[in-house]
C-alpha cells in the first residue's frame, strides 16, 4: 500500500512578506486575498453601516463616529509618529467649525466649498498658533494644547464675538442625509489610507527619527521644527475637517465645538482600538461612540459605565483590539504537503 502523504501546519503569511512591512512577494490569488481581505472588510463594512442602521438617529450616530474617527486619526498620527501627545482635538474642531460657519452664513458659500476651505485655513491658523509649542514634548505639549480650546471658548463668550453664547445659526446642511453620511465616510477612508501611505514614505521615516532622537536629526542638518510643523498641519487639518463637517450636520456653530469631549474621546478610542495602527482608533470610535449613546439613558451614571469599559480595556487588553486581532490573523495556519 502506498504511504499516506504527510502534511504539516504552516502559517498563512509564510513566503508572503519578504523583508519589510509593505514589501511583499505574491505567488497566488490566495496570498493576494490574505493581504486584501482585511482592507476590503473595513471598506465594505463602513459603506454598509448606514444601510443597516435602524432609523435616522443611528444613521446620524454613524456620521458622528466618522467625525471622531478623524480626530482619533489626528491624535494617533501625532502621538505615534512624532511623539507629540496632543489634547487639542477640540481646538481643531472649533476653529474649523467656526470658519466653515462664517464662510457659509456671511459669504453664502455652499458646503462643498466651505469644508475644504475651512480645512486648509483652519489648519494654517492652528499650526501658526501651535508653532511656539513645538519645542515642547510629553506632558508639557499635552497641557498647552489642552488650554487652547478652553481659552478660545472663554474669549468668544467674554467678547461676544461670532454670535457669543448663541453661536452662528442658519448654517446650510448637506444636500441630503445620504450625501452627508457617505461624504464623511469617504473622507475617513481617504485620510486613513492616505496617512498610512504617508508614514511609509521617506518623510514618515523622518517623523519617526524626530520622535526617537531629535538631536541626531538636528545634527544631520534637518530642521526639526519644520517637520513638526508639517505633522501638526496634517493633524490639525483632520480636526478642522471634522469640525467643518460637523457644523453643516448640525446647521449651527457655537462654543460647544470646543467641548473637551472632542479631545478626550479620541484618546479613549485610540486606547481601545490600538495605538500606532491608525485603523485601530477608527475601530475604537466605531465601538465607543455608539456605546456612549446607548449609555446616555443612564444619565450621569453613564460616566461610571463608560469608565469601567475603559478600565477593562486598559487592564485586560492594553495593546488594543487591532493589535491583538492583527497578531491572531497572522497566526492562522494551513495544512501543506511535506
C-alpha atoms as a PDB file:
ATOM      1  CA  UNK A   1       0.000   0.000   0.000  1.00  0.00           C
ATOM      2  CA  UNK A   2       1.181   3.497  -0.777  1.00  0.00           C
ATOM      3  CA  UNK A   3       2.186   5.553   2.147  1.00  0.00           C
ATOM      4  CA  UNK A   4      -0.326   8.257   3.050  1.00  0.00           C
ATOM      5  CA  UNK A   5       1.029  11.691   2.233  1.00  0.00           C
ATOM      6  CA  UNK A   6       2.473  13.595   5.148  1.00  0.00           C
ATOM      7  CA  UNK A   7       1.320  17.113   5.990  1.00  0.00           C
ATOM      8  CA  UNK A   8       2.376  19.817   8.386  1.00  0.00           C
ATOM      9  CA  UNK A   9       0.891  23.083   9.604  1.00  0.00           C
ATOM     10  CA  UNK A  10       2.266  26.297   8.153  1.00  0.00           C
ATOM     11  CA  UNK A  11       1.401  29.936   8.815  1.00  0.00           C
ATOM     12  CA  UNK A  12      -0.595  31.616   6.068  1.00  0.00           C
ATOM     13  CA  UNK A  13       1.790  34.535   5.769  1.00  0.00           C
ATOM     14  CA  UNK A  14       4.816  32.282   5.188  1.00  0.00           C
ATOM     15  CA  UNK A  15       6.524  33.348   1.978  1.00  0.00           C
ATOM     16  CA  UNK A  16       4.386  36.459   1.524  1.00  0.00           C
ATOM     17  CA  UNK A  17       6.332  39.045   3.448  1.00  0.00           C
ATOM     18  CA  UNK A  18       9.851  39.372   2.076  1.00  0.00           C
ATOM     19  CA  UNK A  19      11.933  41.841   4.036  1.00  0.00           C
ATOM     20  CA  UNK A  20       9.896  44.702   5.476  1.00  0.00           C
ATOM     21  CA  UNK A  21       6.390  45.950   6.115  1.00  0.00           C
ATOM     22  CA  UNK A  22       4.765  46.885   2.846  1.00  0.00           C
ATOM     23  CA  UNK A  23       7.153  44.784   0.711  1.00  0.00           C
ATOM     24  CA  UNK A  24       5.575  41.522  -0.414  1.00  0.00           C
ATOM     25  CA  UNK A  25       6.103  38.677  -2.874  1.00  0.00           C
ATOM     26  CA  UNK A  26       2.776  37.289  -4.072  1.00  0.00           C
ATOM     27  CA  UNK A  27       2.635  33.820  -5.589  1.00  0.00           C
ATOM     28  CA  UNK A  28      -1.075  33.028  -5.799  1.00  0.00           C
ATOM     29  CA  UNK A  29      -4.521  34.534  -5.523  1.00  0.00           C
ATOM     30  CA  UNK A  30      -4.794  33.099  -2.002  1.00  0.00           C
ATOM     31  CA  UNK A  31      -1.839  35.188  -0.875  1.00  0.00           C
ATOM     32  CA  UNK A  32      -3.313  38.232  -2.566  1.00  0.00           C
ATOM     33  CA  UNK A  33      -6.592  37.600  -0.759  1.00  0.00           C
ATOM     34  CA  UNK A  34      -4.700  37.206   2.516  1.00  0.00           C
ATOM     35  CA  UNK A  35      -3.473  40.797   2.175  1.00  0.00           C
ATOM     36  CA  UNK A  36      -6.551  42.447   0.672  1.00  0.00           C
ATOM     37  CA  UNK A  37      -9.438  40.834   2.588  1.00  0.00           C
ATOM     38  CA  UNK A  38      -8.898  42.815   5.841  1.00  0.00           C
ATOM     39  CA  UNK A  39      -8.859  46.070   3.886  1.00  0.00           C
ATOM     40  CA  UNK A  40     -11.950  45.137   1.896  1.00  0.00           C
ATOM     41  CA  UNK A  41     -13.777  44.163   5.090  1.00  0.00           C
ATOM     42  CA  UNK A  42     -13.055  47.597   6.563  1.00  0.00           C
ATOM     43  CA  UNK A  43     -14.091  49.495   3.425  1.00  0.00           C
ATOM     44  CA  UNK A  44     -17.236  47.485   2.708  1.00  0.00           C
ATOM     45  CA  UNK A  45     -18.182  47.406   6.388  1.00  0.00           C
ATOM     46  CA  UNK A  46     -18.107  51.198   6.681  1.00  0.00           C
ATOM     47  CA  UNK A  47     -20.004  51.628   3.408  1.00  0.00           C
ATOM     48  CA  UNK A  48     -22.721  49.204   4.550  1.00  0.00           C
ATOM     49  CA  UNK A  49     -23.122  50.682   8.046  1.00  0.00           C
ATOM     50  CA  UNK A  50     -25.591  53.471   7.060  1.00  0.00           C
ATOM     51  CA  UNK A  51     -27.765  50.905   5.263  1.00  0.00           C
ATOM     52  CA  UNK A  52     -28.157  48.604   8.269  1.00  0.00           C
ATOM     53  CA  UNK A  53     -28.704  51.217  10.970  1.00  0.00           C
ATOM     54  CA  UNK A  54     -32.265  51.116  12.438  1.00  0.00           C
ATOM     55  CA  UNK A  55     -33.519  54.646  11.856  1.00  0.00           C
ATOM     56  CA  UNK A  56     -32.243  58.150  11.195  1.00  0.00           C
ATOM     57  CA  UNK A  57     -30.956  58.592  14.764  1.00  0.00           C
ATOM     58  CA  UNK A  58     -28.430  55.761  14.495  1.00  0.00           C
ATOM     59  CA  UNK A  59     -27.511  56.815  10.979  1.00  0.00           C
ATOM     60  CA  UNK A  60     -26.607  60.204  12.441  1.00  0.00           C
ATOM     61  CA  UNK A  61     -24.585  58.405  15.126  1.00  0.00           C
ATOM     62  CA  UNK A  62     -22.522  56.751  12.365  1.00  0.00           C
ATOM     63  CA  UNK A  63     -21.795  60.210  10.956  1.00  0.00           C
ATOM     64  CA  UNK A  64     -20.623  61.390  14.393  1.00  0.00           C
ATOM     65  CA  UNK A  65     -18.491  58.238  14.637  1.00  0.00           C
ATOM     66  CA  UNK A  66     -16.681  59.356  11.485  1.00  0.00           C
ATOM     67  CA  UNK A  67     -16.103  62.850  12.916  1.00  0.00           C
ATOM     68  CA  UNK A  68     -14.488  61.326  15.985  1.00  0.00           C
ATOM     69  CA  UNK A  69     -12.560  58.928  13.748  1.00  0.00           C
ATOM     70  CA  UNK A  70     -10.903  61.890  12.011  1.00  0.00           C
ATOM     71  CA  UNK A  71      -9.903  63.273  15.416  1.00  0.00           C
ATOM     72  CA  UNK A  72      -8.622  59.873  16.554  1.00  0.00           C
ATOM     73  CA  UNK A  73      -6.528  59.587  13.374  1.00  0.00           C
ATOM     74  CA  UNK A  74      -5.120  63.032  14.106  1.00  0.00           C
ATOM     75  CA  UNK A  75      -4.204  62.088  17.676  1.00  0.00           C
ATOM     76  CA  UNK A  76      -2.681  58.709  16.751  1.00  0.00           C
ATOM     77  CA  UNK A  77      -0.634  60.207  13.917  1.00  0.00           C
ATOM     78  CA  UNK A  78       0.961  62.867  16.135  1.00  0.00           C
ATOM     79  CA  UNK A  79       1.440  60.636  19.166  1.00  0.00           C
ATOM     80  CA  UNK A  80       2.848  57.549  17.455  1.00  0.00           C
ATOM     81  CA  UNK A  81       4.888  59.083  14.645  1.00  0.00           C
ATOM     82  CA  UNK A  82       6.048  62.374  16.236  1.00  0.00           C
ATOM     83  CA  UNK A  83       5.817  61.632  19.937  1.00  0.00           C
ATOM     84  CA  UNK A  84       3.523  64.650  20.419  1.00  0.00           C
ATOM     85  CA  UNK A  85       0.575  63.900  22.687  1.00  0.00           C
ATOM     86  CA  UNK A  86      -1.951  66.483  21.513  1.00  0.00           C
ATOM     87  CA  UNK A  87      -5.063  67.180  23.578  1.00  0.00           C
ATOM     88  CA  UNK A  88      -6.176  69.925  21.215  1.00  0.00           C
ATOM     89  CA  UNK A  89      -8.780  67.988  19.272  1.00  0.00           C
ATOM     90  CA  UNK A  90     -11.476  70.409  20.440  1.00  0.00           C
ATOM     91  CA  UNK A  91      -9.248  73.303  19.345  1.00  0.00           C
ATOM     92  CA  UNK A  92      -9.092  71.936  15.797  1.00  0.00           C
ATOM     93  CA  UNK A  93     -12.825  71.202  15.666  1.00  0.00           C
ATOM     94  CA  UNK A  94     -13.754  74.657  16.941  1.00  0.00           C
ATOM     95  CA  UNK A  95     -11.507  76.561  14.540  1.00  0.00           C
ATOM     96  CA  UNK A  96     -12.606  74.550  11.503  1.00  0.00           C
ATOM     97  CA  UNK A  97     -16.255  74.692  12.517  1.00  0.00           C
ATOM     98  CA  UNK A  98     -16.386  78.448  13.049  1.00  0.00           C
ATOM     99  CA  UNK A  99     -14.558  79.182   9.798  1.00  0.00           C
ATOM    100  CA  UNK A 100     -16.953  76.973   7.814  1.00  0.00           C
ATOM    101  CA  UNK A 101     -19.992  78.535   9.504  1.00  0.00           C
ATOM    102  CA  UNK A 102     -18.799  82.103   8.850  1.00  0.00           C
ATOM    103  CA  UNK A 103     -17.937  81.360   5.229  1.00  0.00           C
ATOM    104  CA  UNK A 104     -21.380  79.855   4.701  1.00  0.00           C
ATOM    105  CA  UNK A 105     -23.523  82.433   6.515  1.00  0.00           C
ATOM    106  CA  UNK A 106     -21.563  85.578   5.630  1.00  0.00           C
ATOM    107  CA  UNK A 107     -20.351  84.819   2.100  1.00  0.00           C
ATOM    108  CA  UNK A 108     -23.056  82.361   1.073  1.00  0.00           C
ATOM    109  CA  UNK A 109     -20.588  79.676   0.021  1.00  0.00           C
ATOM    110  CA  UNK A 110     -22.008  76.137  -0.265  1.00  0.00           C
ATOM    111  CA  UNK A 111     -20.723  73.273   1.929  1.00  0.00           C
ATOM    112  CA  UNK A 112     -18.757  71.785  -0.974  1.00  0.00           C
ATOM    113  CA  UNK A 113     -16.615  74.953  -0.861  1.00  0.00           C
ATOM    114  CA  UNK A 114     -16.673  75.877   2.826  1.00  0.00           C
ATOM    115  CA  UNK A 115     -15.494  72.450   4.041  1.00  0.00           C
ATOM    116  CA  UNK A 116     -12.194  72.255   2.079  1.00  0.00           C
ATOM    117  CA  UNK A 117     -11.507  75.995   2.514  1.00  0.00           C
ATOM    118  CA  UNK A 118     -12.170  75.835   6.263  1.00  0.00           C
ATOM    119  CA  UNK A 119      -9.964  72.751   6.474  1.00  0.00           C
ATOM    120  CA  UNK A 120      -6.977  74.485   4.872  1.00  0.00           C
ATOM    121  CA  UNK A 121      -7.410  77.890   6.537  1.00  0.00           C
ATOM    122  CA  UNK A 122      -8.101  76.287   9.902  1.00  0.00           C
ATOM    123  CA  UNK A 123      -5.034  74.058   9.611  1.00  0.00           C
ATOM    124  CA  UNK A 124      -2.858  77.088   8.843  1.00  0.00           C
ATOM    125  CA  UNK A 125      -4.260  79.036  11.814  1.00  0.00           C
ATOM    126  CA  UNK A 126      -3.880  76.098  14.212  1.00  0.00           C
ATOM    127  CA  UNK A 127      -0.333  75.420  13.032  1.00  0.00           C
ATOM    128  CA  UNK A 128       0.686  79.064  13.467  1.00  0.00           C
ATOM    129  CA  UNK A 129      -0.796  79.197  16.964  1.00  0.00           C
ATOM    130  CA  UNK A 130       0.953  75.959  17.924  1.00  0.00           C
ATOM    131  CA  UNK A 131       4.358  76.934  16.494  1.00  0.00           C
ATOM    132  CA  UNK A 132       5.616  78.315  19.852  1.00  0.00           C
ATOM    133  CA  UNK A 133       4.727  74.960  21.459  1.00  0.00           C
ATOM    134  CA  UNK A 134       6.651  72.734  19.044  1.00  0.00           C
ATOM    135  CA  UNK A 135       9.842  72.596  21.155  1.00  0.00           C
ATOM    136  CA  UNK A 136       7.762  71.102  23.985  1.00  0.00           C
ATOM    137  CA  UNK A 137       7.279  67.363  24.363  1.00  0.00           C
ATOM    138  CA  UNK A 138       5.402  64.927  26.551  1.00  0.00           C
ATOM    139  CA  UNK A 139       3.046  66.212  29.199  1.00  0.00           C
ATOM    140  CA  UNK A 140       4.089  69.839  28.583  1.00  0.00           C
ATOM    141  CA  UNK A 141       2.898  69.820  24.976  1.00  0.00           C
ATOM    142  CA  UNK A 142      -0.277  67.997  26.039  1.00  0.00           C
ATOM    143  CA  UNK A 143      -1.155  70.554  28.729  1.00  0.00           C
ATOM    144  CA  UNK A 144      -0.540  73.531  26.458  1.00  0.00           C
ATOM    145  CA  UNK A 145      -2.668  72.122  23.636  1.00  0.00           C
ATOM    146  CA  UNK A 146      -5.440  71.396  26.149  1.00  0.00           C
ATOM    147  CA  UNK A 147      -5.521  75.091  27.111  1.00  0.00           C
ATOM    148  CA  UNK A 148      -6.188  76.366  23.583  1.00  0.00           C
ATOM    149  CA  UNK A 149      -9.865  75.285  23.285  1.00  0.00           C
ATOM    150  CA  UNK A 150     -10.595  76.466  26.825  1.00  0.00           C
ATOM    151  CA  UNK A 151      -9.090  79.897  26.175  1.00  0.00           C
ATOM    152  CA  UNK A 152     -10.807  80.393  22.801  1.00  0.00           C
ATOM    153  CA  UNK A 153     -14.196  79.393  24.205  1.00  0.00           C
ATOM    154  CA  UNK A 154     -13.875  81.931  27.031  1.00  0.00           C
ATOM    155  CA  UNK A 155     -12.701  84.666  24.617  1.00  0.00           C
ATOM    156  CA  UNK A 156     -15.730  84.142  22.352  1.00  0.00           C
ATOM    157  CA  UNK A 157     -18.033  84.174  25.368  1.00  0.00           C
ATOM    158  CA  UNK A 158     -16.480  87.225  27.055  1.00  0.00           C
ATOM    159  CA  UNK A 159     -16.148  89.394  23.933  1.00  0.00           C
ATOM    160  CA  UNK A 160     -19.475  88.202  22.481  1.00  0.00           C
ATOM    161  CA  UNK A 161     -17.961  87.603  19.050  1.00  0.00           C
ATOM    162  CA  UNK A 162     -19.040  85.056  16.437  1.00  0.00           C
ATOM    163  CA  UNK A 163     -22.510  85.038  17.969  1.00  0.00           C
ATOM    164  CA  UNK A 164     -21.275  84.715  21.541  1.00  0.00           C
ATOM    165  CA  UNK A 165     -23.089  82.066  23.527  1.00  0.00           C
ATOM    166  CA  UNK A 166     -25.818  81.868  20.875  1.00  0.00           C
ATOM    167  CA  UNK A 167     -23.332  80.838  18.213  1.00  0.00           C
ATOM    168  CA  UNK A 168     -23.629  81.121  14.448  1.00  0.00           C
ATOM    169  CA  UNK A 169     -27.058  79.982  13.284  1.00  0.00           C
ATOM    170  CA  UNK A 170     -28.526  79.397   9.842  1.00  0.00           C
ATOM    171  CA  UNK A 171     -25.691  77.227   8.511  1.00  0.00           C
ATOM    172  CA  UNK A 172     -26.646  75.242   5.403  1.00  0.00           C
ATOM    173  CA  UNK A 173     -26.888  71.485   5.682  1.00  0.00           C
ATOM    174  CA  UNK A 174     -25.782  68.807   3.236  1.00  0.00           C
ATOM    175  CA  UNK A 175     -27.984  68.100   0.228  1.00  0.00           C
ATOM    176  CA  UNK A 176     -29.492  65.053   1.966  1.00  0.00           C
ATOM    177  CA  UNK A 177     -28.624  62.552   4.680  1.00  0.00           C
ATOM    178  CA  UNK A 178     -27.095  60.051   2.225  1.00  0.00           C
ATOM    179  CA  UNK A 179     -24.709  62.659   0.858  1.00  0.00           C
ATOM    180  CA  UNK A 180     -23.856  63.629   4.438  1.00  0.00           C
ATOM    181  CA  UNK A 181     -23.108  60.083   5.588  1.00  0.00           C
ATOM    182  CA  UNK A 182     -21.212  58.806   2.587  1.00  0.00           C
ATOM    183  CA  UNK A 183     -19.224  62.023   2.177  1.00  0.00           C
ATOM    184  CA  UNK A 184     -17.932  61.758   5.749  1.00  0.00           C
ATOM    185  CA  UNK A 185     -17.290  58.007   5.438  1.00  0.00           C
ATOM    186  CA  UNK A 186     -15.370  58.564   2.188  1.00  0.00           C
ATOM    187  CA  UNK A 187     -13.263  61.251   3.863  1.00  0.00           C
ATOM    188  CA  UNK A 188     -12.370  58.930   6.742  1.00  0.00           C
ATOM    189  CA  UNK A 189     -11.321  56.143   4.368  1.00  0.00           C
ATOM    190  CA  UNK A 190      -9.405  58.555   2.141  1.00  0.00           C
ATOM    191  CA  UNK A 191      -7.379  60.024   5.002  1.00  0.00           C
ATOM    192  CA  UNK A 192      -6.907  56.658   6.708  1.00  0.00           C
ATOM    193  CA  UNK A 193      -5.219  55.079   3.695  1.00  0.00           C
ATOM    194  CA  UNK A 194      -3.565  58.373   2.759  1.00  0.00           C
ATOM    195  CA  UNK A 195      -1.823  58.715   6.124  1.00  0.00           C
ATOM    196  CA  UNK A 196      -0.851  55.033   6.085  1.00  0.00           C
ATOM    197  CA  UNK A 197       0.822  55.704   2.754  1.00  0.00           C
ATOM    198  CA  UNK A 198       2.433  58.910   4.008  1.00  0.00           C
ATOM    199  CA  UNK A 199       4.083  57.357   7.061  1.00  0.00           C
ATOM    200  CA  UNK A 200       5.702  54.705   4.859  1.00  0.00           C
ATOM    201  CA  UNK A 201       7.360  57.329   2.641  1.00  0.00           C
ATOM    202  CA  UNK A 202      10.689  58.998   3.359  1.00  0.00           C
ATOM    203  CA  UNK A 203       9.012  61.793   5.296  1.00  0.00           C
ATOM    204  CA  UNK A 204       7.478  59.167   7.563  1.00  0.00           C
ATOM    205  CA  UNK A 205      10.960  57.907   8.375  1.00  0.00           C
ATOM    206  CA  UNK A 206      11.950  61.461   9.283  1.00  0.00           C
ATOM    207  CA  UNK A 207       8.911  61.755  11.552  1.00  0.00           C
ATOM    208  CA  UNK A 208       9.927  58.580  13.392  1.00  0.00           C
ATOM    209  CA  UNK A 209      13.514  59.795  13.645  1.00  0.00           C
ATOM    210  CA  UNK A 210      12.366  63.070  15.193  1.00  0.00           C
ATOM    211  CA  UNK A 211      10.385  61.100  17.758  1.00  0.00           C
ATOM    212  CA  UNK A 212      13.212  58.667  18.553  1.00  0.00           C
ATOM    213  CA  UNK A 213      16.205  61.025  18.550  1.00  0.00           C
ATOM    214  CA  UNK A 214      15.578  64.606  17.524  1.00  0.00           C
ATOM    215  CA  UNK A 215      19.158  65.606  18.350  1.00  0.00           C
ATOM    216  CA  UNK A 216      20.514  63.176  15.750  1.00  0.00           C
ATOM    217  CA  UNK A 217      18.093  64.577  13.164  1.00  0.00           C
ATOM    218  CA  UNK A 218      19.205  68.109  14.002  1.00  0.00           C
ATOM    219  CA  UNK A 219      22.850  67.069  13.732  1.00  0.00           C
ATOM    220  CA  UNK A 220      22.185  65.779  10.213  1.00  0.00           C
ATOM    221  CA  UNK A 221      21.196  69.284   9.138  1.00  0.00           C
ATOM    222  CA  UNK A 222      17.416  68.863   9.118  1.00  0.00           C
ATOM    223  CA  UNK A 223      15.068  71.457  10.581  1.00  0.00           C
ATOM    224  CA  UNK A 224      13.108  69.645  13.293  1.00  0.00           C
ATOM    225  CA  UNK A 225      10.587  72.465  13.730  1.00  0.00           C
ATOM    226  CA  UNK A 226       9.778  72.341  10.010  1.00  0.00           C
ATOM    227  CA  UNK A 227       8.891  68.645  10.090  1.00  0.00           C
ATOM    228  CA  UNK A 228       6.937  69.040  13.323  1.00  0.00           C
ATOM    229  CA  UNK A 229       5.010  71.904  11.731  1.00  0.00           C
ATOM    230  CA  UNK A 230       4.163  69.707   8.734  1.00  0.00           C
ATOM    231  CA  UNK A 231       2.873  66.974  11.040  1.00  0.00           C
ATOM    232  CA  UNK A 232       0.846  69.454  13.101  1.00  0.00           C
ATOM    233  CA  UNK A 233      -0.608  70.910   9.890  1.00  0.00           C
ATOM    234  CA  UNK A 234      -1.747  67.446   8.763  1.00  0.00           C
ATOM    235  CA  UNK A 235      -3.198  66.597  12.185  1.00  0.00           C
ATOM    236  CA  UNK A 236      -4.963  69.933  12.567  1.00  0.00           C
ATOM    237  CA  UNK A 237      -6.359  69.641   9.019  1.00  0.00           C
ATOM    238  CA  UNK A 238      -8.038  66.375  10.021  1.00  0.00           C
ATOM    239  CA  UNK A 239      -9.583  68.024  13.074  1.00  0.00           C
ATOM    240  CA  UNK A 240     -10.662  71.138  11.173  1.00  0.00           C
ATOM    241  CA  UNK A 241     -12.221  68.921   8.507  1.00  0.00           C
ATOM    242  CA  UNK A 242     -14.240  67.170  11.201  1.00  0.00           C
ATOM    243  CA  UNK A 243     -15.368  70.499  12.665  1.00  0.00           C
ATOM    244  CA  UNK A 244     -16.325  71.894   9.248  1.00  0.00           C
ATOM    245  CA  UNK A 245     -18.446  68.822   8.526  1.00  0.00           C
ATOM    246  CA  UNK A 246     -19.983  68.955  11.994  1.00  0.00           C
ATOM    247  CA  UNK A 247     -21.393  72.483  11.672  1.00  0.00           C
ATOM    248  CA  UNK A 248     -23.069  71.568   8.386  1.00  0.00           C
ATOM    249  CA  UNK A 249     -24.516  68.466  10.024  1.00  0.00           C
ATOM    250  CA  UNK A 250     -25.974  70.395  12.986  1.00  0.00           C
ATOM    251  CA  UNK A 251     -26.511  73.625  10.977  1.00  0.00           C
ATOM    252  CA  UNK A 252     -25.058  75.613  13.874  1.00  0.00           C
ATOM    253  CA  UNK A 253     -21.665  76.576  15.293  1.00  0.00           C
ATOM    254  CA  UNK A 254     -21.137  77.514  18.942  1.00  0.00           C
ATOM    255  CA  UNK A 255     -18.683  77.319  21.802  1.00  0.00           C
ATOM    256  CA  UNK A 256     -19.745  73.705  22.390  1.00  0.00           C
ATOM    257  CA  UNK A 257     -17.416  72.920  19.467  1.00  0.00           C
ATOM    258  CA  UNK A 258     -14.610  73.492  21.965  1.00  0.00           C
ATOM    259  CA  UNK A 259     -16.022  70.875  24.367  1.00  0.00           C
ATOM    260  CA  UNK A 260     -13.411  68.575  25.890  1.00  0.00           C
ATOM    261  CA  UNK A 261     -15.255  65.524  24.542  1.00  0.00           C
ATOM    262  CA  UNK A 262     -13.545  66.208  21.222  1.00  0.00           C
ATOM    263  CA  UNK A 263     -10.175  65.993  22.982  1.00  0.00           C
ATOM    264  CA  UNK A 264     -10.783  63.089  25.354  1.00  0.00           C
ATOM    265  CA  UNK A 265     -12.941  60.603  23.427  1.00  0.00           C
ATOM    266  CA  UNK A 266     -10.465  60.198  20.514  1.00  0.00           C
ATOM    267  CA  UNK A 267      -7.774  59.289  23.047  1.00  0.00           C
ATOM    268  CA  UNK A 268     -10.034  56.664  24.611  1.00  0.00           C
ATOM    269  CA  UNK A 269     -10.843  55.299  21.149  1.00  0.00           C
ATOM    270  CA  UNK A 270      -7.119  55.050  20.386  1.00  0.00           C
ATOM    271  CA  UNK A 271      -6.538  53.106  23.608  1.00  0.00           C
ATOM    272  CA  UNK A 272      -9.372  50.696  22.813  1.00  0.00           C
ATOM    273  CA  UNK A 273      -8.557  50.254  19.122  1.00  0.00           C
ATOM    274  CA  UNK A 274      -4.786  50.110  19.396  1.00  0.00           C
ATOM    275  CA  UNK A 275      -2.309  52.984  19.296  1.00  0.00           C
ATOM    276  CA  UNK A 276       0.036  53.242  16.342  1.00  0.00           C
ATOM    277  CA  UNK A 277      -2.141  51.263  13.944  1.00  0.00           C
ATOM    278  CA  UNK A 278      -4.175  54.199  12.517  1.00  0.00           C
ATOM    279  CA  UNK A 279      -7.060  51.861  11.716  1.00  0.00           C
ATOM    280  CA  UNK A 280      -7.295  50.927  15.405  1.00  0.00           C
ATOM    281  CA  UNK A 281      -8.519  54.381  16.502  1.00  0.00           C
ATOM    282  CA  UNK A 282     -11.195  54.252  13.780  1.00  0.00           C
ATOM    283  CA  UNK A 283     -12.319  50.867  15.088  1.00  0.00           C
ATOM    284  CA  UNK A 284     -12.270  52.287  18.620  1.00  0.00           C
ATOM    285  CA  UNK A 285     -14.613  55.103  17.565  1.00  0.00           C
ATOM    286  CA  UNK A 286     -16.976  52.619  15.894  1.00  0.00           C
ATOM    287  CA  UNK A 287     -17.184  50.803  19.245  1.00  0.00           C
ATOM    288  CA  UNK A 288     -17.012  53.651  21.730  1.00  0.00           C
ATOM    289  CA  UNK A 289     -19.329  56.310  20.280  1.00  0.00           C
ATOM    290  CA  UNK A 290     -22.401  54.009  19.934  1.00  0.00           C
ATOM    291  CA  UNK A 291     -21.751  52.658  23.447  1.00  0.00           C
ATOM    292  CA  UNK A 292     -21.692  56.223  24.722  1.00  0.00           C
ATOM    293  CA  UNK A 293     -25.055  56.845  23.046  1.00  0.00           C
ATOM    294  CA  UNK A 294     -26.552  53.644  24.474  1.00  0.00           C
ATOM    295  CA  UNK A 295     -25.481  54.670  27.976  1.00  0.00           C
ATOM    296  CA  UNK A 296     -26.994  58.131  27.635  1.00  0.00           C
ATOM    297  CA  UNK A 297     -30.300  56.955  29.150  1.00  0.00           C
ATOM    298  CA  UNK A 298     -28.467  56.272  32.438  1.00  0.00           C
ATOM    299  CA  UNK A 299     -27.848  59.990  32.889  1.00  0.00           C
ATOM    300  CA  UNK A 300     -24.773  60.836  34.944  1.00  0.00           C
ATOM    301  CA  UNK A 301     -24.281  57.156  35.760  1.00  0.00           C
ATOM    302  CA  UNK A 302     -23.179  56.562  32.187  1.00  0.00           C
ATOM    303  CA  UNK A 303     -19.820  58.066  33.135  1.00  0.00           C
ATOM    304  CA  UNK A 304     -19.381  55.183  35.598  1.00  0.00           C
ATOM    305  CA  UNK A 305     -20.118  52.523  32.960  1.00  0.00           C
ATOM    306  CA  UNK A 306     -18.006  54.412  30.444  1.00  0.00           C
ATOM    307  CA  UNK A 307     -15.083  54.458  32.876  1.00  0.00           C
ATOM    308  CA  UNK A 308     -15.451  50.763  33.685  1.00  0.00           C
ATOM    309  CA  UNK A 309     -15.281  49.893  29.983  1.00  0.00           C
ATOM    310  CA  UNK A 310     -12.119  51.926  29.551  1.00  0.00           C
ATOM    311  CA  UNK A 311     -10.505  50.456  32.663  1.00  0.00           C
ATOM    312  CA  UNK A 312     -11.370  46.958  31.451  1.00  0.00           C
ATOM    313  CA  UNK A 313      -9.687  47.527  28.106  1.00  0.00           C
ATOM    314  CA  UNK A 314      -6.616  49.104  29.700  1.00  0.00           C
ATOM    315  CA  UNK A 315      -6.201  46.272  32.220  1.00  0.00           C
ATOM    316  CA  UNK A 316      -7.118  43.223  30.136  1.00  0.00           C
ATOM    317  CA  UNK A 317      -6.359  44.321  26.558  1.00  0.00           C
ATOM    318  CA  UNK A 318      -3.943  47.229  26.880  1.00  0.00           C
ATOM    319  CA  UNK A 319      -2.468  46.659  23.411  1.00  0.00           C
ATOM    320  CA  UNK A 320      -5.815  47.407  21.782  1.00  0.00           C
ATOM    321  CA  UNK A 321      -8.234  45.376  19.707  1.00  0.00           C
ATOM    322  CA  UNK A 322      -6.470  45.992  16.395  1.00  0.00           C
ATOM    323  CA  UNK A 323      -3.029  44.904  17.582  1.00  0.00           C
ATOM    324  CA  UNK A 324      -4.483  41.761  19.157  1.00  0.00           C
ATOM    325  CA  UNK A 325      -6.576  40.954  16.080  1.00  0.00           C
ATOM    326  CA  UNK A 326      -3.685  41.565  13.691  1.00  0.00           C
ATOM    327  CA  UNK A 327      -1.447  39.230  15.662  1.00  0.00           C
ATOM    328  CA  UNK A 328      -4.085  36.485  15.678  1.00  0.00           C
ATOM    329  CA  UNK A 329      -4.732  36.957  11.962  1.00  0.00           C
ATOM    330  CA  UNK A 330      -1.055  36.435  11.154  1.00  0.00           C
ATOM    331  CA  UNK A 331      -1.042  33.273  13.282  1.00  0.00           C
ATOM    332  CA  UNK A 332      -3.623  31.483  11.134  1.00  0.00           C
ATOM    333  CA  UNK A 333      -2.245  28.194   9.830  1.00  0.00           C
ATOM    334  CA  UNK A 334      -2.962  25.781   6.974  1.00  0.00           C
ATOM    335  CA  UNK A 335      -2.049  22.174   6.213  1.00  0.00           C
ATOM    336  CA  UNK A 336       0.583  21.740   3.476  1.00  0.00           C
ATOM    337  CA  UNK A 337       2.291  18.712   1.974  1.00  0.00           C
ATOM    338  CA  UNK A 338       5.711  17.868   3.365  1.00  0.00           C
END
